[in-house]
Amino acid sequence: MTVSDKGSPPDVHVSVSDADQLIHHHTEFPTTRLSQFMDGVISAIGKSASWLWIVVTGVIIYAVVGRYAFGAGSVTLEEVQWHLAGAGWLLGLGYTLVTDDHVRVDVIHERLSLKSQAWIELLGLLFLLLPFLGLAVYEMIPYAFSSWEQGETSQAPAGLPYRWILKSILAVSFILLTLAALSRLLKVTALLFGFPKPIRIESGDNKKEDAS
């Protein structure tokens, strides 16, 4: 921020990099061998699932052209759209937690020290996120299995069969999110208690190998 003349309003100069840091604030915790492996698997699944959005876009364009250019609407195409969109969104949930790109509704967190942030993460993971995810996985697996046993299909005419596939993806997404939360927990305990043994600390673009 600079002031050019007395009495004149200050000129505020905020660089693109500063604004990007404010929007995309990441809390960098030490990496452990297990969390690194888990993050790699979840990231690979999340990146692969992102290609579904290209398929969704293509299906939407095809459906819109068919409906308005040729007067041929399709219930099947409509269901394919939201099935693929739902699968892409669900399979990307774990990836957002691994990369710390999920939405944080917290204006205090980023102003605290790294250890204070770690304690907040520890309590939030143990008493809020992980219990919720445990309950979700407990409910979602029988939910998908029941759909498979019944051979559940869409209730709409000309709708899609095999409704259990989407419900299974719902269960898988919660399992992946649970693994991502456990990976995050390992990083937090590595920082606070030194267990598991951290193998790398990331800070911005710099990476420090564990000297011990």
N, C-alpha and C. Protein backbone atom coordinates (compact mmCIF):
# COMPACT_ATOMS: atom_id res chain seq x y z
N MET A 1 0.85 -1.18 0.00
CA MET A 1 0.00 0.00 0.00
C MET A 1 0.89 1.23 0.00
N THR A 2 0.61 2.21 -0.88
CA THR A 2 1.41 3.42 -0.96
C THR A 2 0.51 4.64 -0.94
N VAL A 3 1.04 5.77 -0.37
CA VAL A 3 0.32 7.05 -0.35
C VAL A 3 1.12 8.04 -1.15
N SER A 4 0.54 8.59 -2.24
CA SER A 4 1.30 9.47 -3.12
C SER A 4 1.31 10.91 -2.63
N ASP A 5 0.15 11.48 -2.31
CA ASP A 5 0.04 12.87 -1.86
C ASP A 5 -0.71 12.93 -0.55
N LYS A 6 -0.43 14.02 0.22
CA LYS A 6 -1.13 14.20 1.49
C LYS A 6 -2.61 14.41 1.22
N GLY A 7 -3.41 13.75 1.99
CA GLY A 7 -4.85 13.93 1.87
C GLY A 7 -5.49 13.12 0.78
N SER A 8 -4.69 12.58 -0.13
CA SER A 8 -5.26 11.78 -1.20
C SER A 8 -5.41 10.35 -0.75
N PRO A 9 -6.38 9.62 -1.28
CA PRO A 9 -6.59 8.22 -0.85
C PRO A 9 -5.40 7.37 -1.21
N PRO A 10 -5.09 6.38 -0.39
CA PRO A 10 -3.93 5.53 -0.66
C PRO A 10 -4.14 4.65 -1.88
N ASP A 11 -3.04 4.41 -2.60
CA ASP A 11 -3.08 3.48 -3.72
C ASP A 11 -2.73 2.11 -3.21
N VAL A 12 -3.60 1.15 -3.44
CA VAL A 12 -3.38 -0.20 -2.96
C VAL A 12 -2.86 -1.04 -4.12
N HIS A 13 -1.68 -1.62 -3.92
CA HIS A 13 -1.08 -2.45 -4.95
C HIS A 13 -0.97 -3.87 -4.40
N VAL A 14 -1.75 -4.75 -4.94
CA VAL A 14 -1.72 -6.15 -4.53
C VAL A 14 -1.33 -6.98 -5.74
N SER A 15 -0.22 -7.68 -5.64
CA SER A 15 0.24 -8.49 -6.76
C SER A 15 -0.65 -9.71 -6.94
N VAL A 16 -0.57 -10.29 -8.13
CA VAL A 16 -1.36 -11.50 -8.41
C VAL A 16 -0.95 -12.63 -7.49
N SER A 17 0.35 -12.74 -7.22
CA SER A 17 0.83 -13.82 -6.35
C SER A 17 0.32 -13.66 -4.93
N ASP A 18 0.26 -12.38 -4.44
CA ASP A 18 -0.27 -12.15 -3.08
C ASP A 18 -1.74 -12.54 -3.01
N ALA A 19 -2.50 -12.13 -4.03
CA ALA A 19 -3.93 -12.47 -4.04
C ALA A 19 -4.13 -13.97 -4.12
N ASP A 20 -3.29 -14.63 -4.90
CA ASP A 20 -3.40 -16.09 -5.04
C ASP A 20 -3.11 -16.78 -3.72
N GLN A 21 -2.13 -16.25 -2.97
CA GLN A 21 -1.81 -16.85 -1.67
C GLN A 21 -2.95 -16.69 -0.68
N LEU A 22 -3.63 -15.53 -0.74
CA LEU A 22 -4.75 -15.32 0.16
C LEU A 22 -5.91 -16.27 -0.14
N ILE A 23 -6.13 -16.52 -1.44
CA ILE A 23 -7.25 -17.38 -1.84
C ILE A 23 -6.90 -18.85 -1.64
N HIS A 24 -5.66 -19.24 -2.00
CA HIS A 24 -5.27 -20.64 -1.98
C HIS A 24 -4.25 -20.88 -0.85
N HIS A 25 -4.67 -20.59 0.37
CA HIS A 25 -3.79 -20.80 1.51
C HIS A 25 -3.73 -22.29 1.85
N HIS A 26 -2.52 -22.83 1.97
CA HIS A 26 -2.36 -24.23 2.31
C HIS A 26 -1.57 -24.35 3.60
N THR A 27 -1.99 -25.28 4.44
CA THR A 27 -1.25 -25.59 5.65
C THR A 27 -0.33 -26.75 5.35
N GLU A 28 0.97 -26.52 5.37
CA GLU A 28 1.95 -27.54 5.00
C GLU A 28 2.40 -28.32 6.22
N PHE A 29 2.09 -29.61 6.25
CA PHE A 29 2.51 -30.50 7.32
C PHE A 29 3.57 -31.47 6.81
N PRO A 30 4.35 -32.06 7.72
CA PRO A 30 5.35 -33.06 7.29
C PRO A 30 4.67 -34.24 6.60
N THR A 31 5.40 -34.84 5.69
CA THR A 31 4.90 -36.01 4.98
C THR A 31 5.49 -37.27 5.59
N THR A 32 4.68 -38.32 5.71
CA THR A 32 5.17 -39.61 6.18
C THR A 32 5.09 -40.60 5.02
N ARG A 33 5.76 -41.73 5.16
CA ARG A 33 5.79 -42.70 4.07
C ARG A 33 4.39 -43.23 3.75
N LEU A 34 3.63 -43.54 4.80
CA LEU A 34 2.28 -44.08 4.58
C LEU A 34 1.36 -43.02 3.99
N SER A 35 1.42 -41.81 4.53
CA SER A 35 0.55 -40.76 4.01
C SER A 35 0.92 -40.40 2.58
N GLN A 36 2.21 -40.47 2.26
CA GLN A 36 2.65 -40.19 0.90
C GLN A 36 2.06 -41.22 -0.09
N PHE A 37 2.07 -42.48 0.33
CA PHE A 37 1.49 -43.54 -0.51
C PHE A 37 -0.01 -43.34 -0.66
N MET A 38 -0.69 -43.08 0.44
CA MET A 38 -2.14 -42.89 0.40
C MET A 38 -2.51 -41.68 -0.45
N ASP A 39 -1.75 -40.60 -0.30
CA ASP A 39 -2.02 -39.40 -1.10
C ASP A 39 -1.83 -39.68 -2.59
N GLY A 40 -0.81 -40.48 -2.92
CA GLY A 40 -0.56 -40.80 -4.32
C GLY A 40 -1.71 -41.56 -4.95
N VAL A 41 -2.24 -42.54 -4.21
CA VAL A 41 -3.37 -43.33 -4.73
C VAL A 41 -4.61 -42.46 -4.89
N ILE A 42 -4.91 -41.67 -3.88
CA ILE A 42 -6.11 -40.83 -3.92
C ILE A 42 -5.99 -39.76 -5.00
N SER A 43 -4.79 -39.19 -5.16
CA SER A 43 -4.58 -38.18 -6.20
C SER A 43 -4.75 -38.78 -7.59
N ALA A 44 -4.24 -40.00 -7.78
CA ALA A 44 -4.36 -40.65 -9.08
C ALA A 44 -5.83 -40.90 -9.42
N ILE A 45 -6.61 -41.33 -8.44
CA ILE A 45 -8.04 -41.56 -8.67
C ILE A 45 -8.76 -40.24 -8.95
N GLY A 46 -8.44 -39.21 -8.17
CA GLY A 46 -9.08 -37.92 -8.37
C GLY A 46 -8.77 -37.31 -9.73
N LYS A 47 -7.51 -37.40 -10.16
CA LYS A 47 -7.13 -36.85 -11.46
C LYS A 47 -7.78 -37.64 -12.60
N SER A 48 -7.87 -38.95 -12.43
CA SER A 48 -8.52 -39.77 -13.45
C SER A 48 -10.01 -39.42 -13.54
N ALA A 49 -10.64 -39.22 -12.38
CA ALA A 49 -12.07 -38.89 -12.36
C ALA A 49 -12.36 -37.54 -12.99
N SER A 50 -11.37 -36.63 -12.99
CA SER A 50 -11.60 -35.30 -13.56
C SER A 50 -11.88 -35.37 -15.06
N TRP A 51 -11.42 -36.44 -15.73
CA TRP A 51 -11.69 -36.60 -17.15
C TRP A 51 -13.17 -36.85 -17.42
N LEU A 52 -13.89 -37.27 -16.40
CA LEU A 52 -15.33 -37.49 -16.58
C LEU A 52 -16.05 -36.21 -16.95
N TRP A 53 -15.51 -35.06 -16.53
CA TRP A 53 -16.18 -33.80 -16.83
C TRP A 53 -16.16 -33.49 -18.33
N ILE A 54 -15.11 -33.95 -19.01
CA ILE A 54 -15.07 -33.79 -20.46
C ILE A 54 -16.16 -34.65 -21.11
N VAL A 55 -16.31 -35.87 -20.59
CA VAL A 55 -17.35 -36.76 -21.10
C VAL A 55 -18.73 -36.17 -20.83
N VAL A 56 -18.93 -35.62 -19.64
CA VAL A 56 -20.21 -35.00 -19.28
C VAL A 56 -20.53 -33.85 -20.24
N THR A 57 -19.53 -33.02 -20.51
CA THR A 57 -19.74 -31.90 -21.42
C THR A 57 -20.15 -32.39 -22.81
N GLY A 58 -19.49 -33.44 -23.28
CA GLY A 58 -19.83 -34.00 -24.59
C GLY A 58 -21.25 -34.54 -24.62
N VAL A 59 -21.65 -35.24 -23.56
CA VAL A 59 -23.01 -35.80 -23.49
C VAL A 59 -24.05 -34.68 -23.46
N ILE A 60 -23.76 -33.62 -22.71
CA ILE A 60 -24.70 -32.50 -22.62
C ILE A 60 -24.87 -31.84 -23.99
N ILE A 61 -23.75 -31.60 -24.68
CA ILE A 61 -23.83 -30.99 -26.01
C ILE A 61 -24.63 -31.87 -26.96
N TYR A 62 -24.37 -33.17 -26.92
CA TYR A 62 -25.08 -34.11 -27.79
C TYR A 62 -26.58 -34.11 -27.48
N ALA A 63 -26.92 -34.08 -26.19
CA ALA A 63 -28.33 -34.11 -25.80
C ALA A 63 -29.04 -32.81 -26.20
N VAL A 64 -28.37 -31.67 -26.01
CA VAL A 64 -28.98 -30.38 -26.35
C VAL A 64 -29.20 -30.26 -27.85
N VAL A 65 -28.20 -30.65 -28.64
CA VAL A 65 -28.34 -30.61 -30.10
C VAL A 65 -29.47 -31.53 -30.55
N GLY A 66 -29.52 -32.73 -29.96
CA GLY A 66 -30.57 -33.67 -30.33
C GLY A 66 -31.95 -33.15 -29.99
N ARG A 67 -32.07 -32.48 -28.84
CA ARG A 67 -33.39 -32.00 -28.41
C ARG A 67 -33.86 -30.82 -29.23
N TYR A 68 -32.99 -29.80 -29.42
CA TYR A 68 -33.44 -28.56 -30.04
C TYR A 68 -33.26 -28.54 -31.55
N ALA A 69 -32.33 -29.34 -32.06
CA ALA A 69 -32.13 -29.35 -33.52
C ALA A 69 -32.97 -30.43 -34.20
N PHE A 70 -33.18 -31.55 -33.50
CA PHE A 70 -33.89 -32.66 -34.12
C PHE A 70 -35.16 -33.07 -33.36
N GLY A 71 -35.44 -32.37 -32.24
CA GLY A 71 -36.64 -32.68 -31.47
C GLY A 71 -36.64 -34.06 -30.88
N ALA A 72 -35.45 -34.58 -30.55
CA ALA A 72 -35.35 -35.94 -30.00
C ALA A 72 -34.72 -35.88 -28.61
N GLY A 73 -35.58 -35.76 -27.59
CA GLY A 73 -35.08 -35.79 -26.23
C GLY A 73 -34.82 -37.21 -25.77
N SER A 74 -33.99 -37.35 -24.75
CA SER A 74 -33.63 -38.70 -24.28
C SER A 74 -33.49 -38.71 -22.77
N VAL A 75 -34.34 -39.51 -22.12
CA VAL A 75 -34.25 -39.68 -20.67
C VAL A 75 -32.93 -40.36 -20.31
N THR A 76 -32.52 -41.30 -21.16
CA THR A 76 -31.27 -42.02 -20.90
C THR A 76 -30.08 -41.07 -20.86
N LEU A 77 -30.01 -40.15 -21.82
CA LEU A 77 -28.91 -39.19 -21.85
C LEU A 77 -28.94 -38.26 -20.65
N GLU A 78 -30.12 -37.87 -20.23
CA GLU A 78 -30.24 -37.01 -19.04
C GLU A 78 -29.70 -37.73 -17.80
N GLU A 79 -30.03 -39.00 -17.66
CA GLU A 79 -29.55 -39.74 -16.51
C GLU A 79 -28.04 -40.01 -16.60
N VAL A 80 -27.55 -40.25 -17.81
CA VAL A 80 -26.11 -40.42 -17.99
C VAL A 80 -25.37 -39.17 -17.53
N GLN A 81 -25.93 -37.99 -17.83
CA GLN A 81 -25.30 -36.73 -17.43
C GLN A 81 -25.11 -36.65 -15.93
N TRP A 82 -26.20 -36.85 -15.18
CA TRP A 82 -26.06 -36.65 -13.74
C TRP A 82 -25.37 -37.82 -13.06
N HIS A 83 -25.40 -39.01 -13.66
CA HIS A 83 -24.62 -40.12 -13.12
C HIS A 83 -23.12 -39.83 -13.24
N LEU A 84 -22.69 -39.39 -14.42
CA LEU A 84 -21.27 -39.10 -14.63
C LEU A 84 -20.82 -37.89 -13.81
N ALA A 85 -21.66 -36.86 -13.76
CA ALA A 85 -21.32 -35.68 -12.97
C ALA A 85 -21.21 -36.03 -11.49
N GLY A 86 -22.15 -36.85 -11.01
CA GLY A 86 -22.11 -37.28 -9.61
C GLY A 86 -20.87 -38.10 -9.31
N ALA A 87 -20.51 -39.01 -10.22
CA ALA A 87 -19.33 -39.84 -10.02
C ALA A 87 -18.05 -39.00 -10.01
N GLY A 88 -17.95 -38.04 -10.95
CA GLY A 88 -16.77 -37.18 -11.00
C GLY A 88 -16.62 -36.34 -9.75
N TRP A 89 -17.72 -35.80 -9.24
CA TRP A 89 -17.68 -34.98 -8.03
C TRP A 89 -17.34 -35.82 -6.81
N LEU A 90 -17.97 -36.98 -6.68
CA LEU A 90 -17.76 -37.82 -5.51
C LEU A 90 -16.32 -38.35 -5.43
N LEU A 91 -15.78 -38.80 -6.57
CA LEU A 91 -14.43 -39.36 -6.57
C LEU A 91 -13.36 -38.29 -6.40
N GLY A 92 -13.74 -37.02 -6.57
CA GLY A 92 -12.78 -35.94 -6.38
C GLY A 92 -12.74 -35.39 -4.96
N LEU A 93 -13.64 -35.86 -4.09
CA LEU A 93 -13.69 -35.33 -2.73
C LEU A 93 -12.39 -35.60 -1.96
N GLY A 94 -11.89 -36.84 -2.04
CA GLY A 94 -10.66 -37.18 -1.33
C GLY A 94 -9.48 -36.37 -1.83
N TYR A 95 -9.46 -36.11 -3.14
CA TYR A 95 -8.36 -35.34 -3.73
C TYR A 95 -8.31 -33.92 -3.17
N THR A 96 -9.48 -33.30 -2.95
CA THR A 96 -9.49 -31.94 -2.42
C THR A 96 -8.91 -31.88 -1.01
N LEU A 97 -9.12 -32.94 -0.22
CA LEU A 97 -8.57 -32.97 1.13
C LEU A 97 -7.06 -33.23 1.10
N VAL A 98 -6.62 -34.10 0.20
CA VAL A 98 -5.19 -34.41 0.05
C VAL A 98 -4.40 -33.16 -0.34
N THR A 99 -4.95 -32.37 -1.26
CA THR A 99 -4.26 -31.18 -1.74
C THR A 99 -4.59 -29.94 -0.90
N ASP A 100 -5.44 -30.10 0.11
CA ASP A 100 -5.86 -28.99 0.99
C ASP A 100 -6.52 -27.88 0.18
N ASP A 101 -7.29 -28.25 -0.83
CA ASP A 101 -7.99 -27.27 -1.67
C ASP A 101 -9.48 -27.22 -1.37
N HIS A 102 -9.91 -27.83 -0.27
CA HIS A 102 -11.31 -27.74 0.11
C HIS A 102 -11.58 -26.37 0.74
N VAL A 103 -12.84 -26.01 0.83
CA VAL A 103 -13.21 -24.70 1.36
C VAL A 103 -13.07 -24.69 2.88
N ARG A 104 -12.35 -23.70 3.38
CA ARG A 104 -12.22 -23.52 4.83
C ARG A 104 -13.02 -22.27 5.23
N VAL A 105 -14.03 -22.46 6.07
CA VAL A 105 -14.79 -21.32 6.57
C VAL A 105 -14.17 -20.93 7.91
N ASP A 106 -12.97 -20.34 7.84
CA ASP A 106 -12.23 -20.02 9.06
C ASP A 106 -11.26 -18.89 8.76
N VAL A 107 -11.52 -17.71 9.33
CA VAL A 107 -10.66 -16.55 9.10
C VAL A 107 -9.54 -16.46 10.13
N ILE A 108 -9.57 -17.32 11.15
CA ILE A 108 -8.56 -17.28 12.21
C ILE A 108 -7.45 -18.28 11.95
N HIS A 109 -7.80 -19.42 11.36
CA HIS A 109 -6.88 -20.54 11.21
C HIS A 109 -5.55 -20.15 10.58
N GLU A 110 -5.58 -19.41 9.47
CA GLU A 110 -4.35 -19.11 8.74
C GLU A 110 -3.47 -18.10 9.47
N ARG A 111 -4.00 -17.43 10.48
CA ARG A 111 -3.21 -16.45 11.23
C ARG A 111 -2.47 -17.07 12.41
N LEU A 112 -2.75 -18.35 12.69
CA LEU A 112 -2.13 -19.02 13.82
C LEU A 112 -0.80 -19.65 13.42
N SER A 113 -0.02 -20.04 14.41
CA SER A 113 1.24 -20.73 14.15
C SER A 113 0.95 -22.12 13.59
N LEU A 114 1.97 -22.73 12.99
CA LEU A 114 1.78 -24.04 12.37
C LEU A 114 1.34 -25.08 13.41
N LYS A 115 1.92 -25.03 14.61
CA LYS A 115 1.53 -26.01 15.64
C LYS A 115 0.10 -25.78 16.10
N SER A 116 -0.31 -24.53 16.21
CA SER A 116 -1.70 -24.25 16.59
C SER A 116 -2.66 -24.76 15.52
N GLN A 117 -2.29 -24.56 14.26
CA GLN A 117 -3.11 -25.10 13.17
C GLN A 117 -3.18 -26.62 13.25
N ALA A 118 -2.04 -27.24 13.61
CA ALA A 118 -2.01 -28.70 13.71
C ALA A 118 -2.93 -29.20 14.82
N TRP A 119 -2.96 -28.51 15.96
CA TRP A 119 -3.85 -28.91 17.05
C TRP A 119 -5.32 -28.79 16.64
N ILE A 120 -5.64 -27.73 15.90
CA ILE A 120 -7.01 -27.56 15.41
C ILE A 120 -7.37 -28.70 14.46
N GLU A 121 -6.43 -29.03 13.56
CA GLU A 121 -6.65 -30.13 12.62
C GLU A 121 -6.84 -31.44 13.37
N LEU A 122 -6.01 -31.68 14.39
CA LEU A 122 -6.08 -32.92 15.16
C LEU A 122 -7.44 -33.09 15.81
N LEU A 123 -7.91 -32.05 16.48
CA LEU A 123 -9.21 -32.13 17.17
C LEU A 123 -10.35 -32.25 16.16
N GLY A 124 -10.25 -31.50 15.06
CA GLY A 124 -11.29 -31.56 14.05
C GLY A 124 -11.39 -32.92 13.38
N LEU A 125 -10.22 -33.52 13.10
CA LEU A 125 -10.21 -34.83 12.47
C LEU A 125 -10.74 -35.91 13.41
N LEU A 126 -10.29 -35.89 14.67
CA LEU A 126 -10.64 -36.94 15.62
C LEU A 126 -12.09 -36.86 16.09
N PHE A 127 -12.60 -35.67 16.27
CA PHE A 127 -13.91 -35.53 16.89
C PHE A 127 -15.02 -35.09 15.94
N LEU A 128 -14.66 -34.66 14.74
CA LEU A 128 -15.69 -34.23 13.79
C LEU A 128 -15.66 -35.03 12.49
N LEU A 129 -14.58 -34.91 11.72
CA LEU A 129 -14.56 -35.50 10.39
C LEU A 129 -14.55 -37.02 10.40
N LEU A 130 -13.62 -37.63 11.13
CA LEU A 130 -13.51 -39.09 11.10
C LEU A 130 -14.74 -39.80 11.67
N PRO A 131 -15.34 -39.34 12.77
CA PRO A 131 -16.59 -39.99 13.22
C PRO A 131 -17.71 -39.89 12.18
N PHE A 132 -17.82 -38.74 11.52
CA PHE A 132 -18.84 -38.59 10.48
C PHE A 132 -18.57 -39.54 9.32
N LEU A 133 -17.31 -39.63 8.89
CA LEU A 133 -16.97 -40.50 7.77
C LEU A 133 -17.16 -41.97 8.14
N GLY A 134 -16.84 -42.34 9.37
CA GLY A 134 -17.06 -43.71 9.81
C GLY A 134 -18.53 -44.08 9.74
N LEU A 135 -19.39 -43.17 10.18
CA LEU A 135 -20.83 -43.41 10.12
C LEU A 135 -21.31 -43.48 8.67
N ALA A 136 -20.77 -42.61 7.82
CA ALA A 136 -21.17 -42.60 6.41
C ALA A 136 -20.79 -43.90 5.71
N VAL A 137 -19.58 -44.38 5.94
CA VAL A 137 -19.14 -45.64 5.32
C VAL A 137 -19.99 -46.80 5.84
N TYR A 138 -20.27 -46.78 7.14
CA TYR A 138 -21.09 -47.83 7.76
C TYR A 138 -22.47 -47.90 7.13
N GLU A 139 -23.03 -46.75 6.75
CA GLU A 139 -24.37 -46.71 6.16
C GLU A 139 -24.35 -46.94 4.65
N MET A 140 -23.31 -46.45 3.98
CA MET A 140 -23.29 -46.47 2.52
C MET A 140 -23.02 -47.86 1.93
N ILE A 141 -22.19 -48.66 2.58
CA ILE A 141 -21.87 -49.98 2.05
C ILE A 141 -23.12 -50.87 2.00
N PRO A 142 -23.90 -51.02 3.08
CA PRO A 142 -25.15 -51.79 2.98
C PRO A 142 -26.15 -51.16 2.00
N TYR A 143 -26.13 -49.83 1.89
CA TYR A 143 -27.03 -49.12 0.97
C TYR A 143 -26.75 -49.54 -0.47
N ALA A 144 -25.47 -49.61 -0.84
CA ALA A 144 -25.10 -50.03 -2.20
C ALA A 144 -25.35 -51.52 -2.40
N PHE A 145 -25.05 -52.33 -1.38
CA PHE A 145 -25.23 -53.78 -1.48
C PHE A 145 -26.70 -54.14 -1.64
N SER A 146 -27.56 -53.42 -0.92
CA SER A 146 -29.00 -53.65 -1.02
C SER A 146 -29.50 -53.33 -2.44
N SER A 147 -28.98 -52.26 -3.02
CA SER A 147 -29.36 -51.90 -4.38
C SER A 147 -28.94 -52.98 -5.38
N TRP A 148 -27.75 -53.55 -5.16
CA TRP A 148 -27.26 -54.61 -6.04
C TRP A 148 -28.12 -55.88 -5.90
N GLU A 149 -28.47 -56.23 -4.65
CA GLU A 149 -29.29 -57.42 -4.41
C GLU A 149 -30.66 -57.31 -5.08
N GLN A 150 -31.24 -56.11 -5.04
CA GLN A 150 -32.57 -55.90 -5.60
C GLN A 150 -32.55 -55.70 -7.12
N GLY A 151 -31.35 -55.55 -7.69
CA GLY A 151 -31.27 -55.24 -9.12
C GLY A 151 -31.94 -53.91 -9.43
N GLU A 152 -31.72 -52.94 -8.58
CA GLU A 152 -32.42 -51.66 -8.68
C GLU A 152 -32.12 -50.96 -10.00
N THR A 153 -33.16 -50.41 -10.61
CA THR A 153 -33.04 -49.65 -11.86
C THR A 153 -33.72 -48.30 -11.67
N SER A 154 -33.54 -47.43 -12.66
CA SER A 154 -34.19 -46.13 -12.62
C SER A 154 -35.71 -46.30 -12.72
N GLN A 155 -36.44 -45.46 -12.01
CA GLN A 155 -37.90 -45.52 -12.06
C GLN A 155 -38.45 -44.80 -13.28
N ALA A 156 -37.59 -44.02 -13.94
CA ALA A 156 -38.05 -43.29 -15.13
C ALA A 156 -38.13 -44.22 -16.32
N PRO A 157 -39.10 -44.00 -17.22
CA PRO A 157 -39.17 -44.80 -18.45
C PRO A 157 -37.88 -44.60 -19.27
N ALA A 158 -37.33 -45.69 -19.77
CA ALA A 158 -36.09 -45.65 -20.55
C ALA A 158 -34.91 -45.15 -19.73
N GLY A 159 -35.05 -45.26 -18.39
CA GLY A 159 -33.94 -44.86 -17.52
C GLY A 159 -32.85 -45.91 -17.48
N LEU A 160 -31.77 -45.58 -16.78
CA LEU A 160 -30.62 -46.48 -16.73
C LEU A 160 -30.84 -47.63 -15.75
N PRO A 161 -30.31 -48.81 -16.09
CA PRO A 161 -30.31 -49.92 -15.13
C PRO A 161 -29.08 -49.81 -14.21
N TYR A 162 -28.89 -50.81 -13.39
CA TYR A 162 -27.69 -50.91 -12.54
C TYR A 162 -27.49 -49.67 -11.66
N ARG A 163 -28.53 -49.25 -10.96
CA ARG A 163 -28.44 -48.10 -10.07
C ARG A 163 -27.42 -48.33 -8.95
N TRP A 164 -27.11 -49.59 -8.69
CA TRP A 164 -26.16 -49.91 -7.62
C TRP A 164 -24.75 -49.39 -7.93
N ILE A 165 -24.44 -49.18 -9.20
CA ILE A 165 -23.10 -48.69 -9.55
C ILE A 165 -22.87 -47.31 -8.97
N LEU A 166 -23.84 -46.41 -9.17
CA LEU A 166 -23.71 -45.06 -8.63
C LEU A 166 -23.69 -45.07 -7.11
N LYS A 167 -24.52 -45.93 -6.51
CA LYS A 167 -24.54 -46.00 -5.05
C LYS A 167 -23.23 -46.59 -4.51
N SER A 168 -22.61 -47.48 -5.28
CA SER A 168 -21.31 -48.01 -4.88
C SER A 168 -20.23 -46.94 -4.96
N ILE A 169 -20.32 -46.07 -5.97
CA ILE A 169 -19.37 -44.97 -6.08
C ILE A 169 -19.51 -44.03 -4.88
N LEU A 170 -20.73 -43.87 -4.42
CA LEU A 170 -20.97 -43.06 -3.22
C LEU A 170 -20.22 -43.65 -2.02
N ALA A 171 -20.31 -44.97 -1.86
CA ALA A 171 -19.60 -45.63 -0.76
C ALA A 171 -18.09 -45.52 -0.94
N VAL A 172 -17.61 -45.72 -2.19
CA VAL A 172 -16.17 -45.63 -2.47
C VAL A 172 -15.66 -44.23 -2.17
N SER A 173 -16.44 -43.22 -2.51
CA SER A 173 -16.00 -41.84 -2.29
C SER A 173 -15.80 -41.56 -0.80
N PHE A 174 -16.68 -42.09 0.04
CA PHE A 174 -16.52 -41.89 1.49
C PHE A 174 -15.33 -42.68 2.02
N ILE A 175 -15.05 -43.84 1.44
CA ILE A 175 -13.87 -44.61 1.84
C ILE A 175 -12.60 -43.84 1.48
N LEU A 176 -12.56 -43.28 0.26
CA LEU A 176 -11.40 -42.49 -0.17
C LEU A 176 -11.23 -41.24 0.70
N LEU A 177 -12.34 -40.62 1.04
CA LEU A 177 -12.28 -39.44 1.90
C LEU A 177 -11.78 -39.81 3.29
N THR A 178 -12.17 -40.99 3.78
CA THR A 178 -11.68 -41.47 5.07
C THR A 178 -10.17 -41.70 5.03
N LEU A 179 -9.69 -42.30 3.95
CA LEU A 179 -8.25 -42.51 3.79
C LEU A 179 -7.51 -41.18 3.73
N ALA A 180 -8.08 -40.21 3.03
CA ALA A 180 -7.47 -38.89 2.95
C ALA A 180 -7.40 -38.23 4.32
N ALA A 181 -8.46 -38.40 5.12
CA ALA A 181 -8.47 -37.85 6.47
C ALA A 181 -7.44 -38.54 7.36
N LEU A 182 -7.30 -39.86 7.21
CA LEU A 182 -6.29 -40.60 7.99
C LEU A 182 -4.89 -40.17 7.58
N SER A 183 -4.68 -39.94 6.29
CA SER A 183 -3.39 -39.44 5.82
C SER A 183 -3.09 -38.09 6.43
N ARG A 184 -4.09 -37.23 6.47
CA ARG A 184 -3.92 -35.91 7.09
C ARG A 184 -3.60 -36.05 8.57
N LEU A 185 -4.26 -36.99 9.23
CA LEU A 185 -4.02 -37.23 10.65
C LEU A 185 -2.58 -37.66 10.90
N LEU A 186 -2.04 -38.52 10.04
CA LEU A 186 -0.65 -38.97 10.18
C LEU A 186 0.32 -37.80 10.05
N LYS A 187 0.02 -36.87 9.15
CA LYS A 187 0.88 -35.70 8.98
C LYS A 187 0.84 -34.81 10.22
N VAL A 188 -0.36 -34.67 10.79
CA VAL A 188 -0.51 -33.84 11.98
C VAL A 188 0.23 -34.44 13.17
N THR A 189 0.09 -35.75 13.37
CA THR A 189 0.77 -36.39 14.50
C THR A 189 2.28 -36.42 14.28
N ALA A 190 2.71 -36.47 13.02
CA ALA A 190 4.14 -36.41 12.73
C ALA A 190 4.72 -35.06 13.17
N LEU A 191 3.96 -34.01 12.96
CA LEU A 191 4.42 -32.68 13.36
C LEU A 191 4.38 -32.50 14.88
N LEU A 192 3.27 -32.91 15.49
CA LEU A 192 3.08 -32.66 16.92
C LEU A 192 3.85 -33.63 17.82
N PHE A 193 3.92 -34.90 17.41
CA PHE A 193 4.49 -35.92 18.29
C PHE A 193 5.68 -36.67 17.69
N GLY A 194 6.01 -36.37 16.44
CA GLY A 194 7.12 -37.05 15.79
C GLY A 194 6.82 -38.48 15.40
N PHE A 195 5.53 -38.84 15.35
CA PHE A 195 5.14 -40.20 14.98
C PHE A 195 3.93 -40.15 14.06
N PRO A 196 3.97 -40.82 12.94
CA PRO A 196 5.10 -41.55 12.34
C PRO A 196 6.25 -40.61 11.97
N LYS A 197 7.39 -41.20 11.70
CA LYS A 197 8.57 -40.41 11.40
C LYS A 197 8.37 -39.63 10.11
N PRO A 198 8.50 -38.31 10.16
CA PRO A 198 8.35 -37.52 8.93
C PRO A 198 9.51 -37.74 7.98
N ILE A 199 9.22 -37.80 6.69
CA ILE A 199 10.28 -38.00 5.71
C ILE A 199 10.55 -36.75 4.90
N ARG A 200 9.62 -35.79 4.92
CA ARG A 200 9.84 -34.57 4.15
C ARG A 200 8.96 -33.48 4.69
N ILE A 201 9.47 -32.28 4.74
CA ILE A 201 8.67 -31.13 5.11
C ILE A 201 8.61 -30.22 3.90
N GLU A 202 7.40 -29.89 3.47
CA GLU A 202 7.24 -29.04 2.30
C GLU A 202 6.90 -27.63 2.76
N SER A 203 7.59 -26.68 2.20
CA SER A 203 7.31 -25.27 2.49
C SER A 203 7.39 -24.49 1.20
N GLY A 204 6.23 -24.18 0.62
CA GLY A 204 6.21 -23.51 -0.68
C GLY A 204 6.77 -24.43 -1.73
N ASP A 205 7.81 -23.93 -2.44
CA ASP A 205 8.44 -24.73 -3.47
C ASP A 205 9.66 -25.46 -2.96
N ASN A 206 10.02 -25.25 -1.68
CA ASN A 206 11.21 -25.88 -1.12
C ASN A 206 10.86 -27.16 -0.39
N LYS A 207 11.68 -28.16 -0.50
CA LYS A 207 11.46 -29.44 0.16
C LYS A 207 12.69 -29.77 0.98
N LYS A 208 12.49 -30.04 2.25
CA LYS A 208 13.61 -30.36 3.12
C LYS A 208 13.55 -31.83 3.50
N GLU A 209 14.56 -32.56 3.18
CA GLU A 209 14.62 -33.97 3.53
C GLU A 209 14.93 -34.11 5.01
N ASP A 210 14.36 -35.14 5.62
CA ASP A 210 14.61 -35.41 7.02
C ASP A 210 16.08 -35.78 7.23
N ALA A 211 16.72 -35.06 8.13
CA ALA A 211 18.16 -35.26 8.34
C ALA A 211 18.46 -36.43 9.22
N SER A 212 17.49 -36.86 10.00
CA SER A 212 17.76 -37.96 10.91
C SER A 212 17.67 -39.30 10.21
